[in-house]
C-alpha atoms as a PDB file:
ATOM      1  CA  MET A   1      62.901-103.958 -34.009  1.00  0.00           C
ATOM      2  CA  VAL A   2      59.158-103.874 -34.490  1.00  0.00           C
ATOM      3  CA  LYS A   3      57.048-106.221 -32.397  1.00  0.00           C
ATOM      4  CA  LEU A   4      54.630-107.941 -34.787  1.00  0.00           C
ATOM      5  CA  LEU A   5      51.546-109.664 -33.455  1.00  0.00           C
ATOM      6  CA  SER A   6      48.591-111.210 -35.253  1.00  0.00           C
ATOM      7  CA  THR A   7      44.935-111.876 -34.596  1.00  0.00           C
ATOM      8  CA  SER A   8      43.207-115.194 -35.151  1.00  0.00           C
ATOM      9  CA  SER A   9      41.440-113.667 -38.175  1.00  0.00           C
ATOM     10  CA  PHE A  10      44.762-112.863 -39.856  1.00  0.00           C
ATOM     11  CA  ARG A  11      46.185-116.315 -39.105  1.00  0.00           C
ATOM     12  CA  ASN A  12      43.062-118.001 -40.538  1.00  0.00           C
ATOM     13  CA  SER A  13      43.220-115.895 -43.709  1.00  0.00           C
ATOM     14  CA  LEU A  14      46.953-116.536 -44.103  1.00  0.00           C
ATOM     15  CA  ASN A  15      46.457-120.288 -43.662  1.00  0.00           C
ATOM     16  CA  THR A  16      43.694-120.276 -46.277  1.00  0.00           C
ATOM     17  CA  LEU A  17      45.903-118.445 -48.763  1.00  0.00           C
ATOM     18  CA  CYS A  18      49.082-120.454 -48.137  1.00  0.00           C
ATOM     19  CA  LYS A  19      47.663-123.970 -47.844  1.00  0.00           C
ATOM     20  CA  ARG A  20      47.341-124.345 -51.629  1.00  0.00           C
ATOM     21  CA  PRO A  21      50.332-122.663 -53.268  1.00  0.00           C
ATOM     22  CA  GLU A  22      49.078-123.720 -56.702  1.00  0.00           C
ATOM     23  CA  ASN A  23      46.367-121.045 -56.360  1.00  0.00           C
ATOM     24  CA  GLY A  24      49.107-118.426 -56.658  1.00  0.00           C
ATOM     25  CA  TYR A  25      49.272-117.299 -53.051  1.00  0.00           C
ATOM     26  CA  GLY A  26      52.291-119.335 -51.915  1.00  0.00           C
ATOM     27  CA  SER A  27      54.508-116.246 -51.675  1.00  0.00           C
ATOM     28  CA  CYS A  28      52.112-114.383 -49.355  1.00  0.00           C
ATOM     29  CA  LEU A  29      54.220-114.530 -46.181  1.00  0.00           C
ATOM     30  CA  PHE A  30      57.397-113.702 -48.110  1.00  0.00           C
ATOM     31  CA  ASP A  31      55.685-110.747 -49.795  1.00  0.00           C
ATOM     32  CA  ILE A  32      54.503-109.409 -46.418  1.00  0.00           C
ATOM     33  CA  SER A  33      58.019-109.719 -45.004  1.00  0.00           C
ATOM     34  CA  GLN A  34      59.458-107.731 -47.929  1.00  0.00           C
ATOM     35  CA  VAL A  35      57.135-104.808 -47.176  1.00  0.00           C
ATOM     36  CA  LEU A  36      57.778-104.793 -43.421  1.00  0.00           C
ATOM     37  CA  LYS A  37      61.465-105.722 -43.203  1.00  0.00           C
ATOM     38  CA  ASP A  38      63.866-103.077 -41.971  1.00  0.00           C
ATOM     39  CA  LYS A  39      61.012-100.722 -41.135  1.00  0.00           C
ATOM     40  CA  SER A  40      60.743 -98.956 -37.790  1.00  0.00           C
ATOM     41  CA  PHE A  41      57.484 -98.615 -35.899  1.00  0.00           C
ATOM     42  CA  ASP A  42      57.248 -94.962 -36.988  1.00  0.00           C
ATOM     43  CA  ASP A  43      57.871 -95.865 -40.639  1.00  0.00           C
ATOM     44  CA  ILE A  44      54.895 -98.193 -40.536  1.00  0.00           C
ATOM     45  CA  PHE A  45      52.749 -95.972 -38.285  1.00  0.00           C
ATOM     46  CA  ASN A  46      53.036 -93.131 -40.802  1.00  0.00           C
ATOM     47  CA  ARG A  47      52.341 -95.218 -43.929  1.00  0.00           C
ATOM     48  CA  HIS A  48      49.290 -94.709 -46.050  1.00  0.00           C
ATOM     49  CA  PHE A  49      46.365 -95.639 -46.500  1.00  0.00           C
ATOM     50  CA  LEU A  50      44.954 -94.597 -43.133  1.00  0.00           C
ATOM     51  CA  ILE A  51      41.607 -96.251 -42.450  1.00  0.00           C
ATOM     52  CA  ARG A  52      40.942 -95.092 -38.920  1.00  0.00           C
ATOM     53  CA  GLU A  53      42.740 -93.186 -36.178  1.00  0.00           C
ATOM     54  CA  MET A  54      41.883 -93.410 -32.487  1.00  0.00           C
ATOM     55  CA  GLY A  55      44.490 -91.386 -30.576  1.00  0.00           C
ATOM     56  CA  ASN A  56      47.704 -93.401 -30.541  1.00  0.00           C
ATOM     57  CA  VAL A  57      46.121 -96.251 -32.482  1.00  0.00           C
ATOM     58  CA  ARG A  58      45.898 -96.352 -36.265  1.00  0.00           C
ATOM     59  CA  VAL A  59      44.351 -98.881 -38.623  1.00  0.00           C
ATOM     60  CA  ILE A  60      46.216 -98.863 -41.924  1.00  0.00           C
ATOM     61  CA  LYS A  61      45.748-100.651 -45.233  1.00  0.00           C
ATOM     62  CA  LEU A  62      48.936-101.623 -47.080  1.00  0.00           C
ATOM     63  CA  ARG A  63      49.156-102.694 -50.710  1.00  0.00           C
ATOM     64  CA  ILE A  64      51.456-105.650 -51.266  1.00  0.00           C
ATOM     65  CA  GLN A  65      52.506-107.154 -54.567  1.00  0.00           C
ATOM     66  CA  ASN A  66      52.071-110.868 -55.243  1.00  0.00           C
ATOM     67  CA  SER A  67      55.533-111.948 -56.382  1.00  0.00           C
ATOM     68  CA  GLN A  68      54.407-115.480 -57.274  1.00  0.00           C
ATOM     69  CA  LEU A  69      51.959-114.234 -59.908  1.00  0.00           C
ATOM     70  CA  ASN A  70      53.934-111.079 -60.780  1.00  0.00           C
ATOM     71  CA  TYR A  71      51.022-108.869 -59.722  1.00  0.00           C
ATOM     72  CA  SER A  72      51.758-105.265 -58.842  1.00  0.00           C
ATOM     73  CA  SER A  73      50.800-103.928 -55.436  1.00  0.00           C
ATOM     74  CA  SER A  74      47.527-102.606 -56.878  1.00  0.00           C
ATOM     75  CA  GLN A  75      46.611-106.147 -58.022  1.00  0.00           C
ATOM     76  CA  GLY A  76      48.216-108.098 -55.160  1.00  0.00           C
ATOM     77  CA  TYR A  77      47.208-108.252 -51.510  1.00  0.00           C
ATOM     78  CA  ARG A  78      45.704-105.891 -49.006  1.00  0.00           C
ATOM     79  CA  LEU A  79      47.184-106.135 -45.529  1.00  0.00           C
ATOM     80  CA  ILE A  80      45.169-104.504 -42.754  1.00  0.00           C
ATOM     81  CA  ILE A  81      47.305-103.624 -39.749  1.00  0.00           C
ATOM     82  CA  LEU A  82      46.785-101.882 -36.442  1.00  0.00           C
ATOM     83  CA  CYS A  83      49.607 -99.774 -34.985  1.00  0.00           C
ATOM     84  CA  ASN A  84      49.359 -99.114 -31.260  1.00  0.00           C
ATOM     85  CA  LYS A  85      51.846 -96.534 -29.921  1.00  0.00           C
ATOM     86  CA  ASN A  86      50.753 -97.200 -26.323  1.00  0.00           C
ATOM     87  CA  HIS A  87      51.885-100.841 -26.550  1.00  0.00           C
ATOM     88  CA  ASN A  88      54.545-100.199 -29.227  1.00  0.00           C
ATOM     89  CA  HIS A  89      53.300-103.042 -31.391  1.00  0.00           C
ATOM     90  CA  ILE A  90      51.909-103.676 -34.828  1.00  0.00           C
ATOM     91  CA  VAL A  91      49.126-106.200 -35.200  1.00  0.00           C
ATOM     92  CA  LEU A  92      48.315-107.949 -38.454  1.00  0.00           C
ATOM     93  CA  LEU A  93      44.504-107.918 -38.585  1.00  0.00           C
ATOM     94  CA  GLU A  94      43.634-109.275 -42.033  1.00  0.00           C
ATOM     95  CA  ILE A  95      45.060-110.175 -45.431  1.00  0.00           C
ATOM     96  CA  TYR A  96      43.150-110.680 -48.663  1.00  0.00           C
ATOM     97  CA  PRO A  97      44.016-110.753 -52.366  1.00  0.00           C
ATOM     98  CA  LYS A  98      42.589-108.358 -54.953  1.00  0.00           C
ATOM     99  CA  LYS A  99      42.600-111.058 -57.654  1.00  0.00           C
ATOM    100  CA  GLY A 100      42.000-114.775 -57.717  1.00  0.00           C
ATOM    101  CA  ARG A 101      39.900-117.335 -55.924  1.00  0.00           C
ATOM    102  CA  TYR A 102      39.760-115.553 -52.531  1.00  0.00           C
ATOM    103  CA  SER A 103      39.662-112.010 -53.870  1.00  0.00           C
ATOM    104  CA  LYS A 104      37.750-109.152 -52.290  1.00  0.00           C
ATOM    105  CA  SER A 105      37.302-105.644 -53.590  1.00  0.00           C
ATOM    106  CA  ASP A 106      37.423-104.103 -50.104  1.00  0.00           C
ATOM    107  CA  LEU A 107      36.231-104.623 -46.554  1.00  0.00           C
ATOM    108  CA  THR A 108      32.994-103.083 -45.347  1.00  0.00           C
ATOM    109  CA  LYS A 109      32.842-100.634 -42.446  1.00  0.00           C
ATOM    110  CA  ARG A 110      31.316-103.444 -40.383  1.00  0.00           C
ATOM    111  CA  GLU A 111      34.213-105.784 -41.216  1.00  0.00           C
ATOM    112  CA  TYR A 112      36.733-103.132 -40.120  1.00  0.00           C
ATOM    113  CA  LYS A 113      34.799-102.613 -36.898  1.00  0.00           C
ATOM    114  CA  ASP A 114      34.736-106.387 -36.276  1.00  0.00           C
ATOM    115  CA  LEU A 115      38.514-106.595 -36.808  1.00  0.00           C
ATOM    116  CA  ILE A 116      39.122-103.818 -34.271  1.00  0.00           C
ATOM    117  CA  GLU A 117      36.793-105.487 -31.762  1.00  0.00           C
ATOM    118  CA  LEU A 118      38.570-108.824 -32.257  1.00  0.00           C
ATOM    119  CA  TYR A 119      41.921-107.106 -31.674  1.00  0.00           C
ATOM    120  CA  SER A 120      40.621-105.551 -28.464  1.00  0.00           C
ATOM    121  CA  GLN A 121      39.263-108.880 -27.184  1.00  0.00           C
ATOM    122  CA  GLU A 122      42.435-110.813 -28.032  1.00  0.00           C
ATOM    123  CA  LEU A 123      44.650-108.102 -26.511  1.00  0.00           C
ATOM    124  CA  LYS A 124      42.718-108.265 -23.229  1.00  0.00           C
ATOM    125  CA  SER A 125      42.675-112.071 -23.150  1.00  0.00           C
ATOM    126  CA  GLY A 126      46.318-112.478 -24.195  1.00  0.00           C
ATOM    127  CA  GLN A 127      45.416-114.359 -27.392  1.00  0.00           C
ATOM    128  CA  LEU A 128      47.428-112.207 -29.794  1.00  0.00           C
ATOM    129  CA  SER A 129      50.265-114.289 -31.235  1.00  0.00           C
ATOM    130  CA  ILE A 130      53.763-113.169 -32.047  1.00  0.00           C
ATOM    131  CA  GLN A 131      53.996-113.274 -35.817  1.00  0.00           C
ATOM    132  CA  GLU A 132      57.232-114.504 -37.313  1.00  0.00           C
ATOM    133  CA  ILE A 133      57.994-112.980 -40.680  1.00  0.00           C
END
């Protein structure tokens, strides 16, 4: 079983998306669970699209479909995760939609760097939360 953790940034983004299901993001948590269920750490660690690799740590971008709006994975969500082989955990860093009110085309290099720094700070301070999916 994969140990899933999340950063405060991911939890804030998820809350923003899920708090108003009428915007079409109500299935977000369900859609994430469908992509990650029954997957081993190695299955996820070796998934594409690799953003950054730092030894036994990888930052990966996953495409996720939005089942509520019947959007394909290319039009749905982007889930940014960090896989750490040293700690044997996967951390949900960020989620954003490609279409709709909160859409983004992509994250900047600075935003990726900030997410990795936040992960590092929250890992050291014990603020990463176990994420139930």
